[in-house]
Amino acid sequence: MLNIVIFGPPGSGKGTQSEKLIEKYALTHISTGDILRNEIETGTKLGDNAKQYINKGLLVPDEIIIGMIENKISEIKNQTKGVIFDGFPRTVQQAKALKEMLTKRGETIDLMLYLEVCREELIKRLSKRSQTSGRADDTPETIENRLKVYEEITSPVMEFYKQEGTYRCISKTGSVEEIFHEIEIIVDKY
């Protein structure tokens, strides 16, 4: 299986590029939020455990999330050519836990694609998105905070994948298609 982590700050185009990767390479999108909601709705043991944390206003521990991801990978293994992890891992600890889980399965993260976009462009995109979608997390007040949190907490994950040798940066600016072409060049090698 081809396992890809797509990474970048809010507004970098991860969702758009994930859709294109899924379509071209027959990959499965793994969103921890979707998996979490499904596990809770279906009443699995992991879902029930997660719900206890959520009901207390706490973050769901990494080991529960990793367990859910492992269940999902087992479920889809023979139905897909690979996985795109979008929104996960968010911390170095999560990246290490994901690596450990995949290693036990005889798999690895093949690529970490980082969508690099300058801060000014991110603010422009997120502001525009808030005007068109009305997303509560794209207001001017929250945009700056989201970017700050990303830079402080999430960006160290890039260093982890650099050390793993799987980090690839896509810094091209342009249309969705031009950026995807750069991604294709990298993915086609795998």
C-alpha atoms as a PDB file:
ATOM      1  CA  MET A   1       0.000   0.000   0.000  1.00  0.00           C
ATOM      2  CA  LEU A   2       1.047   3.593  -0.679  1.00  0.00           C
ATOM      3  CA  ASN A   3       0.702   5.596   2.548  1.00  0.00           C
ATOM      4  CA  ILE A   4       0.846   9.381   2.285  1.00  0.00           C
ATOM      5  CA  VAL A   5       0.574  12.071   4.937  1.00  0.00           C
ATOM      6  CA  ILE A   6      -0.617  15.346   3.396  1.00  0.00           C
ATOM      7  CA  PHE A   7       0.473  18.235   5.502  1.00  0.00           C
ATOM      8  CA  GLY A   8       0.304  21.983   5.594  1.00  0.00           C
ATOM      9  CA  PRO A   9      -1.138  24.913   7.485  1.00  0.00           C
ATOM     10  CA  PRO A  10      -4.841  25.790   7.450  1.00  0.00           C
ATOM     11  CA  GLY A  11      -5.733  27.066   3.980  1.00  0.00           C
ATOM     12  CA  SER A  12      -2.849  25.346   2.186  1.00  0.00           C
ATOM     13  CA  GLY A  13      -5.155  23.245  -0.011  1.00  0.00           C
ATOM     14  CA  LYS A  14      -4.802  19.855   1.669  1.00  0.00           C
ATOM     15  CA  GLY A  15      -8.443  18.932   1.095  1.00  0.00           C
ATOM     16  CA  THR A  16      -8.390  19.915  -2.567  1.00  0.00           C
ATOM     17  CA  GLN A  17      -5.150  18.093  -3.307  1.00  0.00           C
ATOM     18  CA  SER A  18      -6.266  15.044  -1.291  1.00  0.00           C
ATOM     19  CA  GLU A  19      -9.340  14.730  -3.512  1.00  0.00           C
ATOM     20  CA  LYS A  20      -7.157  14.782  -6.619  1.00  0.00           C
ATOM     21  CA  LEU A  21      -4.757  12.186  -5.160  1.00  0.00           C
ATOM     22  CA  ILE A  22      -7.654   9.927  -4.191  1.00  0.00           C
ATOM     23  CA  GLU A  23      -9.121  10.125  -7.686  1.00  0.00           C
ATOM     24  CA  LYS A  24      -5.886   9.561  -9.617  1.00  0.00           C
ATOM     25  CA  TYR A  25      -4.220   6.932  -7.429  1.00  0.00           C
ATOM     26  CA  ALA A  26      -7.290   5.082  -6.013  1.00  0.00           C
ATOM     27  CA  LEU A  27      -6.335   5.930  -2.433  1.00  0.00           C
ATOM     28  CA  THR A  28      -8.552   6.024   0.633  1.00  0.00           C
ATOM     29  CA  HIS A  29      -8.885   9.232   2.629  1.00  0.00           C
ATOM     30  CA  ILE A  30      -8.427   8.755   6.359  1.00  0.00           C
ATOM     31  CA  SER A  31      -9.759  11.606   8.426  1.00  0.00           C
ATOM     32  CA  THR A  32      -9.454  11.067  12.162  1.00  0.00           C
ATOM     33  CA  GLY A  33     -12.556  13.185  12.736  1.00  0.00           C
ATOM     34  CA  ASP A  34     -14.640  10.974  10.435  1.00  0.00           C
ATOM     35  CA  ILE A  35     -13.264   7.788  11.996  1.00  0.00           C
ATOM     36  CA  LEU A  36     -13.905   9.075  15.507  1.00  0.00           C
ATOM     37  CA  ARG A  37     -17.518   9.991  14.721  1.00  0.00           C
ATOM     38  CA  ASN A  38     -18.111   6.600  13.078  1.00  0.00           C
ATOM     39  CA  GLU A  39     -16.642   4.638  15.998  1.00  0.00           C
ATOM     40  CA  ILE A  40     -18.833   6.576  18.444  1.00  0.00           C
ATOM     41  CA  GLU A  41     -21.983   6.208  16.300  1.00  0.00           C
ATOM     42  CA  THR A  42     -21.488   2.450  15.854  1.00  0.00           C
ATOM     43  CA  GLY A  43     -20.773   1.995  19.563  1.00  0.00           C
ATOM     44  CA  THR A  44     -17.426   0.241  19.295  1.00  0.00           C
ATOM     45  CA  LYS A  45     -15.326  -0.213  22.427  1.00  0.00           C
ATOM     46  CA  LEU A  46     -12.847   2.406  21.151  1.00  0.00           C
ATOM     47  CA  GLY A  47     -15.739   4.731  20.307  1.00  0.00           C
ATOM     48  CA  ASP A  48     -17.236   4.345  23.777  1.00  0.00           C
ATOM     49  CA  ASN A  49     -13.828   5.064  25.351  1.00  0.00           C
ATOM     50  CA  ALA A  50     -13.383   8.140  23.140  1.00  0.00           C
ATOM     51  CA  LYS A  51     -16.872   9.393  24.001  1.00  0.00           C
ATOM     52  CA  GLN A  52     -15.996   9.385  27.703  1.00  0.00           C
ATOM     53  CA  TYR A  53     -13.124  11.795  27.038  1.00  0.00           C
ATOM     54  CA  ILE A  54     -15.173  13.985  24.708  1.00  0.00           C
ATOM     55  CA  ASN A  55     -18.041  14.220  27.213  1.00  0.00           C
ATOM     56  CA  LYS A  56     -15.566  15.553  29.774  1.00  0.00           C
ATOM     57  CA  GLY A  57     -14.238  18.121  27.282  1.00  0.00           C
ATOM     58  CA  LEU A  58     -10.892  16.337  27.010  1.00  0.00           C
ATOM     59  CA  LEU A  59      -8.831  15.387  23.975  1.00  0.00           C
ATOM     60  CA  VAL A  60      -9.078  11.755  22.957  1.00  0.00           C
ATOM     61  CA  PRO A  61      -5.745  10.069  23.816  1.00  0.00           C
ATOM     62  CA  ASP A  62      -3.451   9.178  20.932  1.00  0.00           C
ATOM     63  CA  GLU A  63      -3.592   5.437  21.661  1.00  0.00           C
ATOM     64  CA  ILE A  64      -7.363   5.434  21.120  1.00  0.00           C
ATOM     65  CA  ILE A  65      -7.033   7.380  17.854  1.00  0.00           C
ATOM     66  CA  ILE A  66      -4.239   5.058  16.657  1.00  0.00           C
ATOM     67  CA  GLY A  67      -6.419   2.045  17.509  1.00  0.00           C
ATOM     68  CA  MET A  68      -9.238   3.496  15.416  1.00  0.00           C
ATOM     69  CA  ILE A  69      -6.882   4.171  12.508  1.00  0.00           C
ATOM     70  CA  GLU A  70      -5.561   0.618  12.707  1.00  0.00           C
ATOM     71  CA  ASN A  71      -9.127  -0.739  12.621  1.00  0.00           C
ATOM     72  CA  LYS A  72      -9.881   1.393   9.559  1.00  0.00           C
ATOM     73  CA  ILE A  73      -6.726   0.255   7.746  1.00  0.00           C
ATOM     74  CA  SER A  74      -7.579  -3.391   8.483  1.00  0.00           C
ATOM     75  CA  GLU A  75     -11.096  -2.822   7.166  1.00  0.00           C
ATOM     76  CA  ILE A  76      -9.982  -1.286   3.837  1.00  0.00           C
ATOM     77  CA  LYS A  77      -6.674  -3.075   3.246  1.00  0.00           C
ATOM     78  CA  ASN A  78      -7.859  -5.250   0.335  1.00  0.00           C
ATOM     79  CA  GLN A  79     -10.068  -2.513  -1.140  1.00  0.00           C
ATOM     80  CA  THR A  80      -7.533   0.257  -1.732  1.00  0.00           C
ATOM     81  CA  LYS A  81      -4.111   0.943  -3.187  1.00  0.00           C
ATOM     82  CA  GLY A  82      -3.165   3.132  -0.257  1.00  0.00           C
ATOM     83  CA  VAL A  83      -4.119   5.767   2.256  1.00  0.00           C
ATOM     84  CA  ILE A  84      -3.951   9.530   2.571  1.00  0.00           C
ATOM     85  CA  PHE A  85      -3.717  10.711   6.169  1.00  0.00           C
ATOM     86  CA  ASP A  86      -5.227  14.193   6.317  1.00  0.00           C
ATOM     87  CA  GLY A  87      -5.196  16.063   9.621  1.00  0.00           C
ATOM     88  CA  PHE A  88      -3.140  13.375  11.301  1.00  0.00           C
ATOM     89  CA  PRO A  89      -0.568  13.210  12.736  1.00  0.00           C
ATOM     90  CA  ARG A  90      -0.659  16.634  14.354  1.00  0.00           C
ATOM     91  CA  THR A  91       2.141  16.078  16.849  1.00  0.00           C
ATOM     92  CA  VAL A  92       5.490  14.297  16.818  1.00  0.00           C
ATOM     93  CA  GLN A  93       4.120  11.867  19.415  1.00  0.00           C
ATOM     94  CA  GLN A  94       1.256  10.975  17.044  1.00  0.00           C
ATOM     95  CA  ALA A  95       3.724  10.560  14.163  1.00  0.00           C
ATOM     96  CA  LYS A  96       5.783   8.148  16.258  1.00  0.00           C
ATOM     97  CA  ALA A  97       2.678   6.208  17.315  1.00  0.00           C
ATOM     98  CA  LEU A  98       1.517   5.992  13.678  1.00  0.00           C
ATOM     99  CA  LYS A  99       4.960   4.759  12.620  1.00  0.00           C
ATOM    100  CA  GLU A 100       4.944   2.093  15.355  1.00  0.00           C
ATOM    101  CA  MET A 101       1.455   0.886  14.417  1.00  0.00           C
ATOM    102  CA  LEU A 102       2.296   0.709  10.700  1.00  0.00           C
ATOM    103  CA  THR A 103       5.623  -1.026  11.376  1.00  0.00           C
ATOM    104  CA  LYS A 104       3.775  -3.792  13.266  1.00  0.00           C
ATOM    105  CA  ARG A 105       1.683  -4.265  10.124  1.00  0.00           C
ATOM    106  CA  GLY A 106       4.751  -4.359   7.861  1.00  0.00           C
ATOM    107  CA  GLU A 107       3.940  -0.932   6.410  1.00  0.00           C
ATOM    108  CA  THR A 108       5.394   2.570   6.476  1.00  0.00           C
ATOM    109  CA  ILE A 109       4.590   6.148   5.602  1.00  0.00           C
ATOM    110  CA  ASP A 110       5.972   6.400   2.072  1.00  0.00           C
ATOM    111  CA  LEU A 111       5.618  10.161   1.641  1.00  0.00           C
ATOM    112  CA  MET A 112       4.871  13.220   3.685  1.00  0.00           C
ATOM    113  CA  LEU A 113       3.762  15.902   1.246  1.00  0.00           C
ATOM    114  CA  TYR A 114       4.073  19.373   2.703  1.00  0.00           C
ATOM    115  CA  LEU A 115       2.088  22.087   0.950  1.00  0.00           C
ATOM    116  CA  GLU A 116       4.108  25.237   1.595  1.00  0.00           C
ATOM    117  CA  VAL A 117       2.191  28.499   1.250  1.00  0.00           C
ATOM    118  CA  CYS A 118       3.346  31.913   2.474  1.00  0.00           C
ATOM    119  CA  ARG A 119       1.532  33.384   5.477  1.00  0.00           C
ATOM    120  CA  GLU A 120       0.042  36.303   3.505  1.00  0.00           C
ATOM    121  CA  GLU A 121      -1.491  33.920   0.974  1.00  0.00           C
ATOM    122  CA  LEU A 122      -2.883  31.710   3.751  1.00  0.00           C
ATOM    123  CA  ILE A 123      -4.567  34.686   5.412  1.00  0.00           C
ATOM    124  CA  LYS A 124      -5.998  35.757   2.048  1.00  0.00           C
ATOM    125  CA  ARG A 125      -7.329  32.254   1.300  1.00  0.00           C
ATOM    126  CA  LEU A 126      -8.810  31.728   4.759  1.00  0.00           C
ATOM    127  CA  SER A 127     -10.439  35.168   4.748  1.00  0.00           C
ATOM    128  CA  LYS A 128     -11.946  34.483   1.323  1.00  0.00           C
ATOM    129  CA  ARG A 129     -13.129  31.045   2.470  1.00  0.00           C
ATOM    130  CA  SER A 130     -14.866  32.599   5.494  1.00  0.00           C
ATOM    131  CA  GLN A 131     -16.759  34.954   3.179  1.00  0.00           C
ATOM    132  CA  THR A 132     -17.958  32.162   0.908  1.00  0.00           C
ATOM    133  CA  SER A 133     -18.486  29.304   3.373  1.00  0.00           C
ATOM    134  CA  GLY A 134     -19.275  31.117   6.589  1.00  0.00           C
ATOM    135  CA  ARG A 135     -16.962  28.773   8.504  1.00  0.00           C
ATOM    136  CA  ALA A 136     -16.740  29.888  12.112  1.00  0.00           C
ATOM    137  CA  ASP A 137     -13.051  28.970  12.273  1.00  0.00           C
ATOM    138  CA  ASP A 138     -12.118  31.316   9.407  1.00  0.00           C
ATOM    139  CA  THR A 139     -12.869  34.634  11.081  1.00  0.00           C
ATOM    140  CA  PRO A 140     -10.024  37.198  11.232  1.00  0.00           C
ATOM    141  CA  GLU A 141      -9.658  36.615  14.985  1.00  0.00           C
ATOM    142  CA  THR A 142      -9.271  32.873  14.653  1.00  0.00           C
ATOM    143  CA  ILE A 143      -7.138  32.812  11.499  1.00  0.00           C
ATOM    144  CA  GLU A 144      -4.116  34.317  13.267  1.00  0.00           C
ATOM    145  CA  ASN A 145      -4.563  32.000  16.241  1.00  0.00           C
ATOM    146  CA  ARG A 146      -4.928  28.898  14.049  1.00  0.00           C
ATOM    147  CA  LEU A 147      -1.734  29.746  12.166  1.00  0.00           C
ATOM    148  CA  LYS A 148       0.127  30.404  15.421  1.00  0.00           C
ATOM    149  CA  VAL A 149      -1.017  27.096  16.931  1.00  0.00           C
ATOM    150  CA  TYR A 150      -0.057  25.291  13.723  1.00  0.00           C
ATOM    151  CA  GLU A 151       3.425  26.823  13.728  1.00  0.00           C
ATOM    152  CA  GLU A 152       4.050  26.070  17.397  1.00  0.00           C
ATOM    153  CA  ILE A 153       2.536  22.627  17.787  1.00  0.00           C
ATOM    154  CA  THR A 154       2.115  20.968  14.418  1.00  0.00           C
ATOM    155  CA  SER A 155       5.048  22.117  12.318  1.00  0.00           C
ATOM    156  CA  PRO A 156       7.605  20.048  14.333  1.00  0.00           C
ATOM    157  CA  VAL A 157       6.011  17.006  12.664  1.00  0.00           C
ATOM    158  CA  MET A 158       7.774  18.138   9.460  1.00  0.00           C
ATOM    159  CA  GLU A 159      11.138  17.706  11.173  1.00  0.00           C
ATOM    160  CA  PHE A 160      10.170  14.165  12.184  1.00  0.00           C
ATOM    161  CA  TYR A 161       9.395  13.224   8.581  1.00  0.00           C
ATOM    162  CA  LYS A 162      12.552  14.956   7.332  1.00  0.00           C
ATOM    163  CA  GLN A 163      14.524  12.669   9.641  1.00  0.00           C
ATOM    164  CA  GLU A 164      12.500   9.703   8.356  1.00  0.00           C
ATOM    165  CA  GLY A 165      13.473  10.660   4.787  1.00  0.00           C
ATOM    166  CA  THR A 166       9.874  10.853   3.571  1.00  0.00           C
ATOM    167  CA  TYR A 167       9.398  14.648   3.613  1.00  0.00           C
ATOM    168  CA  ARG A 168       8.732  16.297   0.242  1.00  0.00           C
ATOM    169  CA  CYS A 169       7.918  19.999  -0.036  1.00  0.00           C
ATOM    170  CA  ILE A 170       5.596  21.375  -2.695  1.00  0.00           C
ATOM    171  CA  SER A 171       6.289  25.109  -2.709  1.00  0.00           C
ATOM    172  CA  LYS A 172       4.988  25.884  -6.178  1.00  0.00           C
ATOM    173  CA  THR A 173       2.362  28.589  -6.375  1.00  0.00           C
ATOM    174  CA  GLY A 174      -0.237  28.604  -9.101  1.00  0.00           C
ATOM    175  CA  SER A 175      -3.451  26.908 -10.012  1.00  0.00           C
ATOM    176  CA  VAL A 176      -4.747  23.748  -8.337  1.00  0.00           C
ATOM    177  CA  GLU A 177      -3.748  21.817 -11.463  1.00  0.00           C
ATOM    178  CA  GLU A 178      -0.197  23.235 -11.515  1.00  0.00           C
ATOM    179  CA  ILE A 179       0.325  22.318  -7.874  1.00  0.00           C
ATOM    180  CA  PHE A 180      -1.145  18.853  -8.435  1.00  0.00           C
ATOM    181  CA  HIS A 181       1.242  18.322 -11.337  1.00  0.00           C
ATOM    182  CA  GLU A 182       4.158  18.901  -8.926  1.00  0.00           C
ATOM    183  CA  ILE A 183       2.606  16.374  -6.540  1.00  0.00           C
ATOM    184  CA  GLU A 184       2.172  13.841  -9.368  1.00  0.00           C
ATOM    185  CA  ILE A 185       5.867  14.078 -10.231  1.00  0.00           C
ATOM    186  CA  ILE A 186       6.724  13.060  -6.667  1.00  0.00           C
ATOM    187  CA  VAL A 187       4.036  10.384  -6.203  1.00  0.00           C
ATOM    188  CA  ASP A 188       4.658   8.754  -9.594  1.00  0.00           C
ATOM    189  CA  LYS A 189       8.122   7.747  -8.360  1.00  0.00           C
ATOM    190  CA  TYR A 190       6.414   5.500  -5.818  1.00  0.00           C
END
